[in-house]
Each structure stands twice: as C-alpha cells, then as structure tokens.
C-alpha cells in the first residue's frame, strides 16, 4: 500500500470510529527525531493533555496504540475503514470503552485534519523544530509556518513527554 493511501486509510478509520459513537478516540502524532518516521498514537480523550489535546500520556499502553507511519498492528490493506474501526473496537476493548461517548468539538476538529490528510498534510504535535504547545497551532507536514488550530484539550493531568 502506498504511504499516502496508508495514512488516508488510518485517518478515515478514526473518522469511522467517531461515526460509530467512539468520538473520544484521538490521534496524537509526532515526527521521529531523525525526521524519517511519523509516529502516531491512537488513544482516548482521557489520555490527552489538559494543556494541549495533541499530546498524550502514554504510560498505560493498554489505553494507547502506537502506530509507526500509520501501520496498524495487523494487515489492513484489504480492509475498509469501517472494517478497521470494528476491528479496533473488538481488539482493544478497554481502550474502546474509554473512547465511547460524545466529543463533538474534537470530531469537528478532526474533520479538518482528515481534509488536510487527503491533501498529503499530516498533523503532528512536535518535531525537531516545531512544537504545537509552544507555537499555538497544529503543525502539518509539508506546510511551514502555520497549520490547523489546536484541537480541544483532553482530560489528562499527567503531562510527560514521549
């Protein structure tokens, strides 16, 4: 699967989770230190920072799925976003339990992220020279100096860096 297709399917899967009533699923991504990898956590609102909803506390790996370059831990190349979403709900029951519920502000914000994804621009919290918390906006790959507004804040008081 081509990398852009892979990223699009991943983001579409998150949008599908939202449609299925799991609106508290959130994406927290960053660029690896060498700039070669896109690391993306799929987690629940309770795990994202109160100060900035792009960051998550990853101490409890039962409540976060780390994906490198949007690779889910199974072959999803022949699966639809809906099939992927159902698989996540079934495979990660504890995480899904925390993600079930309404979060309309995040869902609306994520639609903007999905639109940018389809243009080849991917959200991230930080990279070598950018940091959403410091800069006050959500950086996008292949876009310099601006990005999306910050997403709604989360519920997590523990704010440790990856």
C-alpha atoms as a PDB file:
ATOM      1  CA  UNK A   1       0.000   0.000   0.000  1.00  0.00           C
ATOM      2  CA  UNK A   2       1.340   3.434  -0.945  1.00  0.00           C
ATOM      3  CA  UNK A   3       2.235   5.605   2.078  1.00  0.00           C
ATOM      4  CA  UNK A   4      -0.363   8.313   1.366  1.00  0.00           C
ATOM      5  CA  UNK A   5      -3.062   5.678   0.871  1.00  0.00           C
ATOM      6  CA  UNK A   6      -1.968   4.086   4.155  1.00  0.00           C
ATOM      7  CA  UNK A   7      -2.176   7.407   6.023  1.00  0.00           C
ATOM      8  CA  UNK A   8      -5.539   8.253   4.452  1.00  0.00           C
ATOM      9  CA  UNK A   9      -6.991   4.882   5.442  1.00  0.00           C
ATOM     10  CA  UNK A  10      -5.745   5.320   9.017  1.00  0.00           C
ATOM     11  CA  UNK A  11      -7.319   8.766   9.377  1.00  0.00           C
ATOM     12  CA  UNK A  12     -10.518   7.570   7.683  1.00  0.00           C
ATOM     13  CA  UNK A  13     -10.615   4.695  10.189  1.00  0.00           C
ATOM     14  CA  UNK A  14     -10.506   7.194  13.069  1.00  0.00           C
ATOM     15  CA  UNK A  15     -13.311   9.190  11.432  1.00  0.00           C
ATOM     16  CA  UNK A  16     -15.278   5.937  11.136  1.00  0.00           C
ATOM     17  CA  UNK A  17     -14.717   5.233  14.857  1.00  0.00           C
ATOM     18  CA  UNK A  18     -16.242   8.653  15.539  1.00  0.00           C
ATOM     19  CA  UNK A  19     -19.270   7.820  13.355  1.00  0.00           C
ATOM     20  CA  UNK A  20     -19.752   4.583  15.311  1.00  0.00           C
ATOM     21  CA  UNK A  21     -20.115   6.577  18.546  1.00  0.00           C
ATOM     22  CA  UNK A  22     -16.485   6.365  19.699  1.00  0.00           C
ATOM     23  CA  UNK A  23     -15.974  10.114  19.468  1.00  0.00           C
ATOM     24  CA  UNK A  24     -13.401  10.178  22.263  1.00  0.00           C
ATOM     25  CA  UNK A  25     -10.814   8.406  20.115  1.00  0.00           C
ATOM     26  CA  UNK A  26      -7.972  10.841  19.445  1.00  0.00           C
ATOM     27  CA  UNK A  27      -4.856  10.921  17.325  1.00  0.00           C
ATOM     28  CA  UNK A  28      -1.585  12.152  18.845  1.00  0.00           C
ATOM     29  CA  UNK A  29       1.253  12.156  16.320  1.00  0.00           C
ATOM     30  CA  UNK A  30       4.825  13.352  16.145  1.00  0.00           C
ATOM     31  CA  UNK A  31       7.777  13.224  13.794  1.00  0.00           C
ATOM     32  CA  UNK A  32      10.631  10.953  14.903  1.00  0.00           C
ATOM     33  CA  UNK A  33      13.879  12.665  15.963  1.00  0.00           C
ATOM     34  CA  UNK A  34      15.624  11.790  12.695  1.00  0.00           C
ATOM     35  CA  UNK A  35      12.656  13.106  10.687  1.00  0.00           C
ATOM     36  CA  UNK A  36      12.127   9.788   8.918  1.00  0.00           C
ATOM     37  CA  UNK A  37       9.144   8.385  10.802  1.00  0.00           C
ATOM     38  CA  UNK A  38       5.618   9.505  11.563  1.00  0.00           C
ATOM     39  CA  UNK A  39       4.679   8.085  14.940  1.00  0.00           C
ATOM     40  CA  UNK A  40       1.048   8.131  15.806  1.00  0.00           C
ATOM     41  CA  UNK A  41      -0.765   7.197  18.995  1.00  0.00           C
ATOM     42  CA  UNK A  42      -4.427   6.278  18.875  1.00  0.00           C
ATOM     43  CA  UNK A  43      -5.799   6.907  22.329  1.00  0.00           C
ATOM     44  CA  UNK A  44      -8.816   8.203  24.222  1.00  0.00           C
ATOM     45  CA  UNK A  45      -9.577  11.746  25.357  1.00  0.00           C
ATOM     46  CA  UNK A  46      -8.822  10.858  28.976  1.00  0.00           C
ATOM     47  CA  UNK A  47      -5.231  10.204  27.907  1.00  0.00           C
ATOM     48  CA  UNK A  48      -4.638  13.552  26.160  1.00  0.00           C
ATOM     49  CA  UNK A  49      -3.253  16.579  27.944  1.00  0.00           C
ATOM     50  CA  UNK A  50      -5.418  19.246  29.539  1.00  0.00           C
ATOM     51  CA  UNK A  51      -2.965  21.821  28.232  1.00  0.00           C
ATOM     52  CA  UNK A  52      -2.895  20.634  24.603  1.00  0.00           C
ATOM     53  CA  UNK A  53      -5.025  17.867  23.101  1.00  0.00           C
ATOM     54  CA  UNK A  54      -2.330  16.857  20.589  1.00  0.00           C
ATOM     55  CA  UNK A  55      -0.163  15.343  23.319  1.00  0.00           C
ATOM     56  CA  UNK A  56      -0.908  12.170  25.221  1.00  0.00           C
ATOM     57  CA  UNK A  57       0.435  10.460  28.281  1.00  0.00           C
ATOM     58  CA  UNK A  58       1.473   7.016  27.128  1.00  0.00           C
ATOM     59  CA  UNK A  59       2.267   5.425  30.473  1.00  0.00           C
ATOM     60  CA  UNK A  60      -0.649   2.988  30.157  1.00  0.00           C
ATOM     61  CA  UNK A  61      -0.137   1.105  26.896  1.00  0.00           C
ATOM     62  CA  UNK A  62      -3.479  -0.625  27.372  1.00  0.00           C
ATOM     63  CA  UNK A  63      -5.054   2.722  26.565  1.00  0.00           C
ATOM     64  CA  UNK A  64      -2.956   3.726  23.566  1.00  0.00           C
ATOM     65  CA  UNK A  65      -1.953   2.062  20.312  1.00  0.00           C
ATOM     66  CA  UNK A  66       1.390   3.192  18.865  1.00  0.00           C
ATOM     67  CA  UNK A  67       1.486   3.062  15.089  1.00  0.00           C
ATOM     68  CA  UNK A  68       4.617   3.800  13.068  1.00  0.00           C
ATOM     69  CA  UNK A  69       3.749   5.521   9.800  1.00  0.00           C
ATOM     70  CA  UNK A  70       0.078   4.736  10.474  1.00  0.00           C
ATOM     71  CA  UNK A  71       0.643   0.974  10.358  1.00  0.00           C
ATOM     72  CA  UNK A  72      -1.955  -0.751  12.491  1.00  0.00           C
ATOM     73  CA  UNK A  73      -0.757  -3.961  14.191  1.00  0.00           C
ATOM     74  CA  UNK A  74      -2.464  -6.135  11.553  1.00  0.00           C
ATOM     75  CA  UNK A  75      -2.598  -6.181   7.771  1.00  0.00           C
ATOM     76  CA  UNK A  76      -5.345  -3.757   6.894  1.00  0.00           C
ATOM     77  CA  UNK A  77      -4.505  -3.194   3.246  1.00  0.00           C
ATOM     78  CA  UNK A  78      -7.637  -5.053   2.078  1.00  0.00           C
ATOM     79  CA  UNK A  79      -9.892  -3.775   4.864  1.00  0.00           C
ATOM     80  CA  UNK A  80     -12.215  -0.802   4.608  1.00  0.00           C
ATOM     81  CA  UNK A  81     -12.024   1.980   7.206  1.00  0.00           C
ATOM     82  CA  UNK A  82     -15.280   0.614   8.675  1.00  0.00           C
ATOM     83  CA  UNK A  83     -13.810  -2.895   8.967  1.00  0.00           C
ATOM     84  CA  UNK A  84     -10.694  -1.451  10.602  1.00  0.00           C
ATOM     85  CA  UNK A  85     -12.789   0.529  13.058  1.00  0.00           C
ATOM     86  CA  UNK A  86     -14.784  -2.548  14.054  1.00  0.00           C
ATOM     87  CA  UNK A  87     -11.527  -4.495  14.429  1.00  0.00           C
ATOM     88  CA  UNK A  88     -10.113  -1.808  16.743  1.00  0.00           C
ATOM     89  CA  UNK A  89     -13.271  -1.850  18.868  1.00  0.00           C
ATOM     90  CA  UNK A  90     -13.149  -5.648  19.167  1.00  0.00           C
ATOM     91  CA  UNK A  91      -9.372  -5.967  19.600  1.00  0.00           C
ATOM     92  CA  UNK A  92      -8.849  -3.077  22.020  1.00  0.00           C
ATOM     93  CA  UNK A  93     -11.908  -3.360  24.253  1.00  0.00           C
ATOM     94  CA  UNK A  94     -10.509  -1.431  27.230  1.00  0.00           C
ATOM     95  CA  UNK A  95      -9.339   1.484  25.096  1.00  0.00           C
ATOM     96  CA  UNK A  96     -12.611   1.443  23.155  1.00  0.00           C
ATOM     97  CA  UNK A  97     -14.599   1.537  26.393  1.00  0.00           C
ATOM     98  CA  UNK A  98     -12.877   4.817  27.303  1.00  0.00           C
ATOM     99  CA  UNK A  99     -13.340   6.186  23.780  1.00  0.00           C
ATOM    100  CA  UNK A 100     -17.085   5.514  23.668  1.00  0.00           C
ATOM    101  CA  UNK A 101     -19.121   8.689  24.037  1.00  0.00           C
ATOM    102  CA  UNK A 102     -19.652  12.149  22.643  1.00  0.00           C
ATOM    103  CA  UNK A 103     -16.874  14.608  21.880  1.00  0.00           C
ATOM    104  CA  UNK A 104     -18.385  16.758  19.107  1.00  0.00           C
ATOM    105  CA  UNK A 105     -15.747  19.504  19.324  1.00  0.00           C
ATOM    106  CA  UNK A 106     -12.950  17.015  18.624  1.00  0.00           C
ATOM    107  CA  UNK A 107     -14.942  15.296  15.869  1.00  0.00           C
ATOM    108  CA  UNK A 108     -15.348  18.653  14.086  1.00  0.00           C
ATOM    109  CA  UNK A 109     -11.659  19.454  14.532  1.00  0.00           C
ATOM    110  CA  UNK A 110     -10.682  16.002  13.262  1.00  0.00           C
ATOM    111  CA  UNK A 111     -12.646  16.607  10.058  1.00  0.00           C
ATOM    112  CA  UNK A 112     -10.180  19.434   9.340  1.00  0.00           C
ATOM    113  CA  UNK A 113      -7.263  17.065   9.998  1.00  0.00           C
ATOM    114  CA  UNK A 114      -8.819  14.485   7.656  1.00  0.00           C
ATOM    115  CA  UNK A 115      -9.230  17.120   4.903  1.00  0.00           C
ATOM    116  CA  UNK A 116      -5.546  18.014   5.241  1.00  0.00           C
ATOM    117  CA  UNK A 117      -4.635  14.325   5.219  1.00  0.00           C
ATOM    118  CA  UNK A 118      -6.310  13.940   1.837  1.00  0.00           C
ATOM    119  CA  UNK A 119      -4.074  16.787   0.598  1.00  0.00           C
ATOM    120  CA  UNK A 120      -0.957  14.969   1.829  1.00  0.00           C
ATOM    121  CA  UNK A 121      -0.517  17.070   5.000  1.00  0.00           C
ATOM    122  CA  UNK A 122      -0.482  15.235   8.325  1.00  0.00           C
ATOM    123  CA  UNK A 123      -0.941  16.652  11.813  1.00  0.00           C
ATOM    124  CA  UNK A 124       1.720  16.299  14.464  1.00  0.00           C
ATOM    125  CA  UNK A 125       2.397  17.640  17.957  1.00  0.00           C
ATOM    126  CA  UNK A 126       6.135  18.166  17.637  1.00  0.00           C
ATOM    127  CA  UNK A 127       9.210  17.572  15.551  1.00  0.00           C
ATOM    128  CA  UNK A 128      12.815  18.784  15.632  1.00  0.00           C
ATOM    129  CA  UNK A 129      11.974  22.497  15.171  1.00  0.00           C
ATOM    130  CA  UNK A 130       8.265  22.754  15.838  1.00  0.00           C
ATOM    131  CA  UNK A 131       6.046  22.218  18.832  1.00  0.00           C
ATOM    132  CA  UNK A 132       2.285  22.766  18.843  1.00  0.00           C
ATOM    133  CA  UNK A 133       2.216  23.728  22.506  1.00  0.00           C
ATOM    134  CA  UNK A 134       4.887  26.397  22.039  1.00  0.00           C
ATOM    135  CA  UNK A 135       3.731  27.587  18.605  1.00  0.00           C
ATOM    136  CA  UNK A 136      -0.010  27.716  19.361  1.00  0.00           C
ATOM    137  CA  UNK A 137      -1.214  25.778  16.309  1.00  0.00           C
ATOM    138  CA  UNK A 138      -1.225  22.222  14.980  1.00  0.00           C
ATOM    139  CA  UNK A 139       1.715  21.765  12.606  1.00  0.00           C
ATOM    140  CA  UNK A 140       1.189  19.931   9.332  1.00  0.00           C
ATOM    141  CA  UNK A 141       3.752  18.047   7.307  1.00  0.00           C
ATOM    142  CA  UNK A 142       4.743  19.804   4.082  1.00  0.00           C
ATOM    143  CA  UNK A 143       3.360  23.125   5.405  1.00  0.00           C
ATOM    144  CA  UNK A 144       5.607  25.619   7.163  1.00  0.00           C
ATOM    145  CA  UNK A 145       4.752  28.489   9.462  1.00  0.00           C
ATOM    146  CA  UNK A 146       1.101  27.646  10.057  1.00  0.00           C
ATOM    147  CA  UNK A 147      -1.336  24.799  10.384  1.00  0.00           C
ATOM    148  CA  UNK A 148      -4.648  23.911  11.949  1.00  0.00           C
ATOM    149  CA  UNK A 149      -5.995  25.353  15.179  1.00  0.00           C
ATOM    150  CA  UNK A 150      -5.141  23.303  18.243  1.00  0.00           C
ATOM    151  CA  UNK A 151      -7.638  20.521  18.942  1.00  0.00           C
ATOM    152  CA  UNK A 152      -9.832  20.596  22.030  1.00  0.00           C
ATOM    153  CA  UNK A 153      -7.932  19.791  25.203  1.00  0.00           C
ATOM    154  CA  UNK A 154      -8.039  16.400  26.866  1.00  0.00           C
ATOM    155  CA  UNK A 155      -8.549  15.219  30.420  1.00  0.00           C
ATOM    156  CA  UNK A 156      -5.059  14.040  31.446  1.00  0.00           C
ATOM    157  CA  UNK A 157      -3.236  15.812  34.277  1.00  0.00           C
ATOM    158  CA  UNK A 158      -0.035  13.789  33.764  1.00  0.00           C
ATOM    159  CA  UNK A 159       1.839  15.633  31.084  1.00  0.00           C
ATOM    160  CA  UNK A 160       5.038  13.763  30.384  1.00  0.00           C
ATOM    161  CA  UNK A 161       6.739  13.833  27.025  1.00  0.00           C
ATOM    162  CA  UNK A 162       7.118  10.734  24.910  1.00  0.00           C
END
